[in-house]
Amino acid sequence: MHQYAFYLHQDRVRIPNSYLPPPVLTYNPRIKRWILDREYTYFDEGTYITVPHGFEFDLASVPRAVWWAIAPFELSIVAPLLHDFLYENGGLLPAHTVQPYRKYTRREADWMFLEIMRREGVAEWKCRVAYNAVRTFGGHVWRGRLSPGEEHNLQLMPV
């Protein structure tokens, strides 16, 4: 039996129809994580967010059973990169990574995930399904404090 592993080493991962600059990544199949090889800066409504070199993320946490409909690599690269960075820090990013400095709520992180997928040309129905999934199931991963009532006001989108 052959085992095949997807391998990238310091490659730019381009998404068709995206005008966002591609991040430079290495995929480590042993730990099933993507590693950012060069810092990546994203401009979001007047704020620059810089994800530092060496940041590890799992791309998109899509259960393998539904890959026939939505595979993790179909939801952009930049969206899960930024989303995981925001989630890992609970919206309280290190000061040197946000200019001008600001904090993010979970809702803002999830909305950014949705908007980046749209900017990268992901099909709208996939954007909505992925957004609803992070709104519904992402709360246990969020390391920040929820705003009062936020967990009860998920604001899901029709698919």
Protein backbone atom coordinates (compact mmCIF):
# COMPACT_ATOMS: atom_id res chain seq x y z
CA MET A 1 0.00 0.00 0.00
CA HIS A 2 1.34 3.42 -0.93
CA GLN A 3 1.00 6.46 1.28
CA TYR A 4 0.80 9.81 -0.40
CA ALA A 5 1.36 13.06 1.42
CA PHE A 6 0.80 16.53 0.13
CA TYR A 7 4.09 18.39 0.49
CA LEU A 8 4.93 22.05 0.29
CA HIS A 9 8.16 23.69 1.31
CA GLN A 10 8.33 27.47 1.35
CA ASP A 11 5.88 27.76 -1.52
CA ARG A 12 3.46 30.56 -2.33
CA VAL A 13 -0.02 29.07 -2.28
CA ARG A 14 -2.12 30.88 -4.85
CA ILE A 15 -5.90 30.84 -4.91
CA PRO A 16 -7.43 31.29 -8.38
CA ASN A 17 -9.38 34.57 -8.74
CA SER A 18 -7.87 36.03 -5.57
CA TYR A 19 -6.18 39.38 -5.57
CA LEU A 20 -4.70 38.87 -2.09
CA PRO A 21 -0.97 38.17 -1.99
CA PRO A 22 -0.33 34.47 -1.41
CA PRO A 23 1.30 33.48 1.89
CA VAL A 24 4.53 31.46 1.81
CA LEU A 25 3.91 28.14 3.55
CA THR A 26 5.38 24.78 4.34
CA TYR A 27 3.10 21.85 5.05
CA ASN A 28 4.35 19.36 7.63
CA PRO A 29 2.50 16.06 7.08
CA ARG A 30 3.88 14.55 10.31
CA ILE A 31 1.99 17.06 12.46
CA LYS A 32 -0.65 17.92 9.84
CA ARG A 33 0.00 21.64 10.23
CA TRP A 34 0.77 24.49 7.86
CA ILE A 35 3.71 26.69 8.85
CA LEU A 36 3.98 30.30 7.73
CA ASP A 37 7.50 30.75 6.34
CA ARG A 38 7.36 34.53 5.98
CA GLU A 39 5.27 36.96 7.97
CA TYR A 40 2.00 37.82 6.30
CA THR A 41 0.31 41.22 6.53
CA TYR A 42 -3.37 41.74 5.86
CA PHE A 43 -5.12 45.12 5.73
CA ASP A 44 -8.55 45.13 7.39
CA GLU A 45 -10.60 48.34 7.48
CA GLY A 46 -7.81 50.68 8.56
CA THR A 47 -5.82 48.10 10.54
CA TYR A 48 -2.77 46.10 9.50
CA ILE A 49 -2.59 42.60 10.99
CA THR A 50 0.76 40.83 10.66
CA VAL A 51 0.87 37.09 11.28
CA PRO A 52 4.44 36.28 12.34
CA HIS A 53 6.81 33.90 10.61
CA GLY A 54 6.57 30.42 12.12
CA PHE A 55 2.86 30.58 12.97
CA GLU A 56 1.29 27.10 12.66
CA PHE A 57 -2.31 26.44 11.71
CA ASP A 58 -4.46 23.57 10.45
CA LEU A 59 -5.95 25.43 7.45
CA ALA A 60 -9.67 24.87 7.96
CA SER A 61 -11.11 22.35 10.43
CA VAL A 62 -13.47 20.62 8.06
CA PRO A 63 -14.46 17.07 9.06
CA ARG A 64 -13.09 14.60 6.52
CA ALA A 65 -16.56 13.09 6.04
CA VAL A 66 -17.74 16.29 4.29
CA TRP A 67 -14.68 16.86 2.10
CA TRP A 68 -16.76 15.65 -0.85
CA ALA A 69 -18.72 18.93 -0.54
CA ILE A 70 -16.19 21.31 1.05
CA ALA A 71 -12.51 20.48 1.41
CA PRO A 72 -10.33 22.60 3.72
CA PHE A 73 -8.19 23.93 0.85
CA GLU A 74 -11.31 25.22 -0.94
CA LEU A 75 -11.98 27.86 1.73
CA SER A 76 -8.95 30.01 0.91
CA ILE A 77 -5.59 30.07 2.62
CA VAL A 78 -5.58 33.62 4.00
CA ALA A 79 -9.01 33.30 5.69
CA PRO A 80 -8.10 30.38 7.95
CA LEU A 81 -4.60 31.82 8.53
CA LEU A 82 -6.00 35.09 9.93
CA HIS A 83 -8.93 33.36 11.64
CA ASP A 84 -6.68 30.88 13.46
CA PHE A 85 -4.28 33.68 14.47
CA LEU A 86 -7.16 35.71 15.93
CA TYR A 87 -8.67 32.66 17.66
CA GLU A 88 -5.37 31.47 19.11
CA ASN A 89 -4.93 34.87 20.73
CA GLY A 90 -8.56 35.33 21.70
CA GLY A 91 -8.67 38.57 19.76
CA LEU A 92 -5.95 40.07 21.96
CA LEU A 93 -3.13 40.02 19.45
CA PRO A 94 0.45 40.86 20.42
CA ALA A 95 0.91 44.63 20.13
CA HIS A 96 3.54 44.41 17.39
CA THR A 97 1.16 42.46 15.12
CA VAL A 98 -1.64 45.05 14.90
CA GLN A 99 -1.24 48.64 13.69
CA PRO A 100 -2.95 50.73 14.97
CA TYR A 101 -3.62 48.48 17.93
CA ARG A 102 -7.10 47.18 18.55
CA LYS A 103 -8.78 44.11 20.03
CA TYR A 104 -11.10 41.78 18.13
CA THR A 105 -14.23 40.02 19.31
CA ARG A 106 -15.03 36.49 18.24
CA ARG A 107 -17.81 37.84 16.05
CA GLU A 108 -15.36 40.19 14.30
CA ALA A 109 -12.88 37.33 13.77
CA ASP A 110 -15.62 35.17 12.25
CA TRP A 111 -16.85 38.03 10.05
CA MET A 112 -13.29 38.63 8.81
CA PHE A 113 -13.08 34.90 7.96
CA LEU A 114 -16.24 35.27 5.86
CA GLU A 115 -15.10 38.46 4.12
CA ILE A 116 -11.66 37.09 3.25
CA MET A 117 -13.22 33.95 1.74
CA ARG A 118 -15.40 36.21 -0.40
CA ARG A 119 -12.37 38.30 -1.44
CA GLU A 120 -10.61 35.08 -2.43
CA GLY A 121 -13.47 34.06 -4.71
CA VAL A 122 -14.86 31.15 -2.66
CA ALA A 123 -18.39 30.20 -3.73
CA GLU A 124 -20.95 32.07 -1.64
CA TRP A 125 -22.70 28.93 -0.38
CA LYS A 126 -19.36 27.56 0.85
CA CYS A 127 -18.62 30.89 2.56
CA ARG A 128 -21.97 30.74 4.36
CA VAL A 129 -21.58 27.11 5.42
CA ALA A 130 -18.05 27.75 6.74
CA TYR A 131 -19.12 30.96 8.50
CA ASN A 132 -22.09 29.22 10.16
CA ALA A 133 -19.79 26.38 11.24
CA VAL A 134 -17.30 28.70 12.98
CA ARG A 135 -20.15 30.67 14.58
CA THR A 136 -21.78 27.48 15.84
CA PHE A 137 -18.78 25.36 16.83
CA GLY A 138 -15.87 27.80 17.26
CA GLY A 139 -16.77 29.00 20.75
CA HIS A 140 -14.91 26.20 22.52
CA VAL A 141 -11.68 27.17 20.72
CA TRP A 142 -11.90 30.92 21.24
CA ARG A 143 -9.41 31.92 23.92
CA GLY A 144 -10.83 35.36 24.54
CA ARG A 145 -13.79 36.44 26.57
CA LEU A 146 -17.15 36.46 24.90
CA SER A 147 -19.00 39.71 24.88
CA PRO A 148 -22.11 39.65 27.09
CA GLY A 149 -24.77 37.61 25.33
CA GLU A 150 -22.54 36.82 22.35
CA GLU A 151 -22.80 33.04 22.67
CA HIS A 152 -26.59 33.37 22.57
CA ASN A 153 -26.65 35.70 19.56
CA LEU A 154 -24.86 33.72 16.86
CA GLN A 155 -26.48 35.42 13.85
CA LEU A 156 -26.24 32.54 11.42
CA MET A 157 -26.68 33.12 7.70
CA PRO A 158 -29.15 31.26 5.49
CA VAL A 159 -27.39 28.80 3.22
